[in-house]
Amino acid sequence: MDKEILMVQDKDGYRVLHGHLHLTTLIGEHSEVELHVPGKGNVTVRRAAGGLVVHDGEVSLPILKM
């Protein structure tokens, strides 16, 4: 888990509030990254064909652009 990245859940996905470049670097080095989302718990971020996708158990939601 990385505490330098702050992500929150929005209605139809997730938004990265802090650490965009750090997340991009980590995804480039690894196939997936585990992060803690306040109020949601631990999630896994993976690269997909349309961008980055957040998996929180059974649901997969995209990372939305600001």
PDB file of N, CA and C in Angstrom:
ATOM      1  N   MET A   1       0.838  -1.177   0.000  1.00  0.00           N
ATOM      2  CA  MET A   1       0.000   0.000   0.000  1.00  0.00           C
ATOM      3  C   MET A   1       0.878   1.233   0.000  1.00  0.00           C
ATOM      4  N   ASP A   2       0.378   2.281  -0.598  1.00  0.00           N
ATOM      5  CA  ASP A   2       1.132   3.512  -0.714  1.00  0.00           C
ATOM      6  C   ASP A   2       0.345   4.656  -0.105  1.00  0.00           C
ATOM      7  N   LYS A   3       0.940   5.328   0.871  1.00  0.00           N
ATOM      8  CA  LYS A   3       0.237   6.411   1.566  1.00  0.00           C
ATOM      9  C   LYS A   3       0.419   7.753   0.881  1.00  0.00           C
ATOM     10  N   GLU A   4       1.180   7.803  -0.207  1.00  0.00           N
ATOM     11  CA  GLU A   4       1.387   9.048  -0.936  1.00  0.00           C
ATOM     12  C   GLU A   4       0.302   9.294  -1.975  1.00  0.00           C
ATOM     13  N   ILE A   5      -0.585   8.332  -2.157  1.00  0.00           N
ATOM     14  CA  ILE A   5      -1.663   8.449  -3.134  1.00  0.00           C
ATOM     15  C   ILE A   5      -2.980   8.533  -2.377  1.00  0.00           C
ATOM     16  N   LEU A   6      -3.762   9.570  -2.661  1.00  0.00           N
ATOM     17  CA  LEU A   6      -5.065   9.736  -2.029  1.00  0.00           C
ATOM     18  C   LEU A   6      -6.137   9.611  -3.097  1.00  0.00           C
ATOM     19  N   MET A   7      -6.996   8.622  -2.922  1.00  0.00           N
ATOM     20  CA  MET A   7      -8.059   8.353  -3.874  1.00  0.00           C
ATOM     21  C   MET A   7      -9.371   8.240  -3.108  1.00  0.00           C
ATOM     22  N   VAL A   8     -10.464   8.731  -3.705  1.00  0.00           N
ATOM     23  CA  VAL A   8     -11.785   8.641  -3.086  1.00  0.00           C
ATOM     24  C   VAL A   8     -12.768   8.057  -4.084  1.00  0.00           C
ATOM     25  N   GLN A   9     -13.828   7.446  -3.553  1.00  0.00           N
ATOM     26  CA  GLN A   9     -14.862   6.908  -4.420  1.00  0.00           C
ATOM     27  C   GLN A   9     -15.855   8.010  -4.752  1.00  0.00           C
ATOM     28  N   ASP A  10     -16.174   8.128  -6.031  1.00  0.00           N
ATOM     29  CA  ASP A  10     -17.194   9.035  -6.518  1.00  0.00           C
ATOM     30  C   ASP A  10     -18.366   8.155  -6.957  1.00  0.00           C
ATOM     31  N   LYS A  11     -19.423   8.739  -7.471  1.00  0.00           N
ATOM     32  CA  LYS A  11     -20.616   7.970  -7.829  1.00  0.00           C
ATOM     33  C   LYS A  11     -20.323   6.781  -8.730  1.00  0.00           C
ATOM     34  N   ASP A  12     -19.712   7.038  -9.878  1.00  0.00           N
ATOM     35  CA  ASP A  12     -19.514   6.000 -10.885  1.00  0.00           C
ATOM     36  C   ASP A  12     -18.077   5.545 -11.021  1.00  0.00           C
ATOM     37  N   GLY A  13     -17.246   5.852 -10.051  1.00  0.00           N
ATOM     38  CA  GLY A  13     -15.847   5.467 -10.134  1.00  0.00           C
ATOM     39  C   GLY A  13     -15.045   6.043  -8.984  1.00  0.00           C
ATOM     40  N   TYR A  14     -13.770   6.207  -9.227  1.00  0.00           N
ATOM     41  CA  TYR A  14     -12.852   6.738  -8.220  1.00  0.00           C
ATOM     42  C   TYR A  14     -12.138   7.952  -8.800  1.00  0.00           C
ATOM     43  N   ARG A  15     -11.689   8.834  -7.919  1.00  0.00           N
ATOM     44  CA  ARG A  15     -10.916   9.996  -8.326  1.00  0.00           C
ATOM     45  C   ARG A  15      -9.626  10.034  -7.509  1.00  0.00           C
ATOM     46  N   VAL A  16      -8.520  10.327  -8.185  1.00  0.00           N
ATOM     47  CA  VAL A  16      -7.232  10.480  -7.518  1.00  0.00           C
ATOM     48  C   VAL A  16      -7.091  11.947  -7.147  1.00  0.00           C
ATOM     49  N   LEU A  17      -7.043  12.229  -5.848  1.00  0.00           N
ATOM     50  CA  LEU A  17      -6.927  13.602  -5.371  1.00  0.00           C
ATOM     51  C   LEU A  17      -5.483  14.046  -5.211  1.00  0.00           C
ATOM     52  N   HIS A  18      -4.606  13.101  -4.944  1.00  0.00           N
ATOM     53  CA  HIS A  18      -3.187  13.416  -4.732  1.00  0.00           C
ATOM     54  C   HIS A  18      -2.359  12.203  -5.146  1.00  0.00           C
ATOM     55  N   GLY A  19      -1.272  12.440  -5.850  1.00  0.00           N
ATOM     56  CA  GLY A  19      -0.356  11.357  -6.204  1.00  0.00           C
ATOM     57  C   GLY A  19      -0.570  10.763  -7.578  1.00  0.00           C
ATOM     58  N   HIS A  20      -1.110  11.549  -8.522  1.00  0.00           N
ATOM     59  CA  HIS A  20      -1.359  11.049  -9.880  1.00  0.00           C
ATOM     60  C   HIS A  20      -0.088  10.468 -10.515  1.00  0.00           C
ATOM     61  N   LEU A  21       0.988  11.234 -10.469  1.00  0.00           N
ATOM     62  CA  LEU A  21       2.230  10.788 -11.111  1.00  0.00           C
ATOM     63  C   LEU A  21       2.823   9.578 -10.405  1.00  0.00           C
ATOM     64  N   HIS A  22       2.713   9.552  -9.101  1.00  0.00           N
ATOM     65  CA  HIS A  22       3.234   8.409  -8.343  1.00  0.00           C
ATOM     66  C   HIS A  22       2.458   7.139  -8.704  1.00  0.00           C
ATOM     67  N   LEU A  23       1.143   7.244  -8.829  1.00  0.00           N
ATOM     68  CA  LEU A  23       0.319   6.096  -9.219  1.00  0.00           C
ATOM     69  C   LEU A  23       0.697   5.631 -10.621  1.00  0.00           C
ATOM     70  N   THR A  24       0.888   6.551 -11.540  1.00  0.00           N
ATOM     71  CA  THR A  24       1.276   6.200 -12.907  1.00  0.00           C
ATOM     72  C   THR A  24       2.612   5.468 -12.929  1.00  0.00           C
ATOM     73  N   THR A  25       3.557   5.934 -12.130  1.00  0.00           N
ATOM     74  CA  THR A  25       4.864   5.284 -12.046  1.00  0.00           C
ATOM     75  C   THR A  25       4.744   3.870 -11.486  1.00  0.00           C
ATOM     76  N   LEU A  26       3.983   3.718 -10.402  1.00  0.00           N
ATOM     77  CA  LEU A  26       3.820   2.394  -9.795  1.00  0.00           C
ATOM     78  C   LEU A  26       3.133   1.411 -10.743  1.00  0.00           C
ATOM     79  N   ILE A  27       2.105   1.873 -11.455  1.00  0.00           N
ATOM     80  CA  ILE A  27       1.402   0.996 -12.404  1.00  0.00           C
ATOM     81  C   ILE A  27       2.330   0.607 -13.548  1.00  0.00           C
ATOM     82  N   GLY A  28       3.226   1.512 -13.939  1.00  0.00           N
ATOM     83  CA  GLY A  28       4.200   1.199 -14.977  1.00  0.00           C
ATOM     84  C   GLY A  28       5.202   0.140 -14.539  1.00  0.00           C
ATOM     85  N   GLU A  29       5.505   0.089 -13.248  1.00  0.00           N
ATOM     86  CA  GLU A  29       6.479  -0.865 -12.721  1.00  0.00           C
ATOM     87  C   GLU A  29       5.848  -2.201 -12.338  1.00  0.00           C
ATOM     88  N   HIS A  30       4.596  -2.178 -11.936  1.00  0.00           N
ATOM     89  CA  HIS A  30       3.914  -3.381 -11.451  1.00  0.00           C
ATOM     90  C   HIS A  30       2.602  -3.554 -12.213  1.00  0.00           C
ATOM     91  N   SER A  31       2.075  -4.725 -12.232  1.00  0.00           N
ATOM     92  CA  SER A  31       0.811  -4.954 -12.933  1.00  0.00           C
ATOM     93  C   SER A  31      -0.393  -4.465 -12.140  1.00  0.00           C
ATOM     94  N   GLU A  32      -0.228  -4.326 -10.817  1.00  0.00           N
ATOM     95  CA  GLU A  32      -1.310  -3.825  -9.980  1.00  0.00           C
ATOM     96  C   GLU A  32      -0.735  -3.179  -8.730  1.00  0.00           C
ATOM     97  N   VAL A  33      -1.535  -2.288  -8.135  1.00  0.00           N
ATOM     98  CA  VAL A  33      -1.127  -1.564  -6.937  1.00  0.00           C
ATOM     99  C   VAL A  33      -2.265  -1.646  -5.937  1.00  0.00           C
ATOM    100  N   GLU A  34      -1.950  -1.936  -4.683  1.00  0.00           N
ATOM    101  CA  GLU A  34      -2.957  -1.964  -3.627  1.00  0.00           C
ATOM    102  C   GLU A  34      -2.914  -0.635  -2.877  1.00  0.00           C
ATOM    103  N   LEU A  35      -4.089  -0.018  -2.732  1.00  0.00           N
ATOM    104  CA  LEU A  35      -4.203   1.275  -2.058  1.00  0.00           C
ATOM    105  C   LEU A  35      -5.299   1.220  -1.007  1.00  0.00           C
ATOM    106  N   HIS A  36      -5.232   2.137  -0.052  1.00  0.00           N
ATOM    107  CA  HIS A  36      -6.293   2.280   0.939  1.00  0.00           C
ATOM    108  C   HIS A  36      -7.132   3.493   0.564  1.00  0.00           C
ATOM    109  N   VAL A  37      -8.445   3.301   0.448  1.00  0.00           N
ATOM    110  CA  VAL A  37      -9.368   4.387   0.137  1.00  0.00           C
ATOM    111  C   VAL A  37     -10.164   4.679   1.411  1.00  0.00           C
ATOM    112  N   PRO A  38     -10.095   5.927   1.903  1.00  0.00           N
ATOM    113  CA  PRO A  38     -10.837   6.271   3.120  1.00  0.00           C
ATOM    114  C   PRO A  38     -12.330   5.959   2.981  1.00  0.00           C
ATOM    115  N   GLY A  39     -12.871   5.293   3.981  1.00  0.00           N
ATOM    116  CA  GLY A  39     -14.281   4.934   3.984  1.00  0.00           C
ATOM    117  C   GLY A  39     -14.616   3.704   3.170  1.00  0.00           C
ATOM    118  N   LYS A  40     -13.647   3.175   2.431  1.00  0.00           N
ATOM    119  CA  LYS A  40     -13.886   2.013   1.574  1.00  0.00           C
ATOM    120  C   LYS A  40     -13.005   0.827   1.959  1.00  0.00           C
ATOM    121  N   GLY A  41     -11.783   1.109   2.356  1.00  0.00           N
ATOM    122  CA  GLY A  41     -10.837   0.049   2.695  1.00  0.00           C
ATOM    123  C   GLY A  41      -9.806  -0.139   1.606  1.00  0.00           C
ATOM    124  N   ASN A  42      -9.212  -1.314   1.563  1.00  0.00           N
ATOM    125  CA  ASN A  42      -8.167  -1.614   0.584  1.00  0.00           C
ATOM    126  C   ASN A  42      -8.781  -1.978  -0.760  1.00  0.00           C
ATOM    127  N   VAL A  43      -8.199  -1.421  -1.820  1.00  0.00           N
ATOM    128  CA  VAL A  43      -8.622  -1.709  -3.188  1.00  0.00           C
ATOM    129  C   VAL A  43      -7.386  -2.013  -4.016  1.00  0.00           C
ATOM    130  N   THR A  44      -7.588  -2.605  -5.185  1.00  0.00           N
ATOM    131  CA  THR A  44      -6.505  -2.909  -6.098  1.00  0.00           C
ATOM    132  C   THR A  44      -6.721  -2.132  -7.387  1.00  0.00           C
ATOM    133  N   VAL A  45      -5.680  -1.442  -7.835  1.00  0.00           N
ATOM    134  CA  VAL A  45      -5.740  -0.684  -9.087  1.00  0.00           C
ATOM    135  C   VAL A  45      -4.972  -1.478 -10.138  1.00  0.00           C
ATOM    136  N   ARG A  46      -5.622  -1.689 -11.304  1.00  0.00           N
ATOM    137  CA  ARG A  46      -5.006  -2.430 -12.405  1.00  0.00           C
ATOM    138  C   ARG A  46      -5.167  -1.652 -13.701  1.00  0.00           C
ATOM    139  N   ARG A  47      -4.252  -1.876 -14.605  1.00  0.00           N
ATOM    140  CA  ARG A  47      -4.347  -1.272 -15.938  1.00  0.00           C
ATOM    141  C   ARG A  47      -5.325  -2.092 -16.771  1.00  0.00           C
ATOM    142  N   ALA A  48      -6.205  -1.401 -17.492  1.00  0.00           N
ATOM    143  CA  ALA A  48      -7.166  -2.049 -18.385  1.00  0.00           C
ATOM    144  C   ALA A  48      -7.080  -1.369 -19.752  1.00  0.00           C
ATOM    145  N   ALA A  49      -7.793  -1.896 -20.714  1.00  0.00           N
ATOM    146  CA  ALA A  49      -7.750  -1.351 -22.073  1.00  0.00           C
ATOM    147  C   ALA A  49      -8.178   0.113 -22.123  1.00  0.00           C
ATOM    148  N   GLY A  50      -9.174   0.499 -21.319  1.00  0.00           N
ATOM    149  CA  GLY A  50      -9.680   1.861 -21.347  1.00  0.00           C
ATOM    150  C   GLY A  50      -9.057   2.790 -20.330  1.00  0.00           C
ATOM    151  N   GLY A  51      -8.076   2.340 -19.578  1.00  0.00           N
ATOM    152  CA  GLY A  51      -7.448   3.145 -18.540  1.00  0.00           C
ATOM    153  C   GLY A  51      -7.232   2.332 -17.285  1.00  0.00           C
ATOM    154  N   LEU A  52      -7.240   2.989 -16.132  1.00  0.00           N
ATOM    155  CA  LEU A  52      -7.032   2.296 -14.869  1.00  0.00           C
ATOM    156  C   LEU A  52      -8.375   1.926 -14.250  1.00  0.00           C
ATOM    157  N   VAL A  53      -8.434   0.733 -13.674  1.00  0.00           N
ATOM    158  CA  VAL A  53      -9.653   0.216 -13.070  1.00  0.00           C
ATOM    159  C   VAL A  53      -9.364  -0.144 -11.623  1.00  0.00           C
ATOM    160  N   VAL A  54     -10.317   0.176 -10.745  1.00  0.00           N
ATOM    161  CA  VAL A  54     -10.199  -0.114  -9.319  1.00  0.00           C
ATOM    162  C   VAL A  54     -11.087  -1.313  -8.994  1.00  0.00           C
ATOM    163  N   HIS A  55     -10.503  -2.342  -8.392  1.00  0.00           N
ATOM    164  CA  HIS A  55     -11.236  -3.536  -7.971  1.00  0.00           C
ATOM    165  C   HIS A  55     -11.352  -3.503  -6.455  1.00  0.00           C
ATOM    166  N   ASP A  56     -12.577  -3.538  -5.948  1.00  0.00           N
ATOM    167  CA  ASP A  56     -12.772  -3.551  -4.489  1.00  0.00           C
ATOM    168  C   ASP A  56     -13.596  -4.763  -4.097  1.00  0.00           C
ATOM    169  N   GLY A  57     -13.061  -5.926  -4.410  1.00  0.00           N
ATOM    170  CA  GLY A  57     -13.797  -7.160  -4.126  1.00  0.00           C
ATOM    171  C   GLY A  57     -14.506  -7.624  -5.378  1.00  0.00           C
ATOM    172  N   GLU A  58     -15.820  -7.483  -5.401  1.00  0.00           N
ATOM    173  CA  GLU A  58     -16.587  -7.966  -6.552  1.00  0.00           C
ATOM    174  C   GLU A  58     -16.878  -6.892  -7.596  1.00  0.00           C
ATOM    175  N   VAL A  59     -16.626  -5.628  -7.297  1.00  0.00           N
ATOM    176  CA  VAL A  59     -16.967  -4.530  -8.203  1.00  0.00           C
ATOM    177  C   VAL A  59     -15.708  -3.927  -8.807  1.00  0.00           C
ATOM    178  N   SER A  60     -15.767  -3.608 -10.098  1.00  0.00           N
ATOM    179  CA  SER A  60     -14.658  -2.916 -10.792  1.00  0.00           C
ATOM    180  C   SER A  60     -15.184  -1.597 -11.324  1.00  0.00           C
ATOM    181  N   LEU A  61     -14.542  -0.506 -10.918  1.00  0.00           N
ATOM    182  CA  LEU A  61     -14.953   0.832 -11.354  1.00  0.00           C
ATOM    183  C   LEU A  61     -13.741   1.567 -11.910  1.00  0.00           C
ATOM    184  N   PRO A  62     -13.947   2.457 -12.876  1.00  0.00           N
ATOM    185  CA  PRO A  62     -12.823   3.189 -13.466  1.00  0.00           C
ATOM    186  C   PRO A  62     -12.333   4.327 -12.575  1.00  0.00           C
ATOM    187  N   ILE A  63     -11.118   4.771 -12.855  1.00  0.00           N
ATOM    188  CA  ILE A  63     -10.623   6.006 -12.253  1.00  0.00           C
ATOM    189  C   ILE A  63     -11.058   7.115 -13.185  1.00  0.00           C
ATOM    190  N   LEU A  64     -11.842   8.047 -12.672  1.00  0.00           N
ATOM    191  CA  LEU A  64     -12.421   9.128 -13.457  1.00  0.00           C
ATOM    192  C   LEU A  64     -11.435  10.267 -13.602  1.00  0.00           C
ATOM    193  N   LYS A  65     -11.505  10.958 -14.715  1.00  0.00           N
ATOM    194  CA  LYS A  65     -10.643  12.128 -14.941  1.00  0.00           C
ATOM    195  C   LYS A  65     -11.251  13.327 -14.255  1.00  0.00           C
ATOM    196  N   MET A  66     -10.410  14.228 -13.789  1.00  0.00           N
ATOM    197  CA  MET A  66     -10.868  15.431 -13.086  1.00  0.00           C
ATOM    198  C   MET A  66     -11.531  16.392 -14.009  1.00  0.00           C
TER     199      MET A  66
END
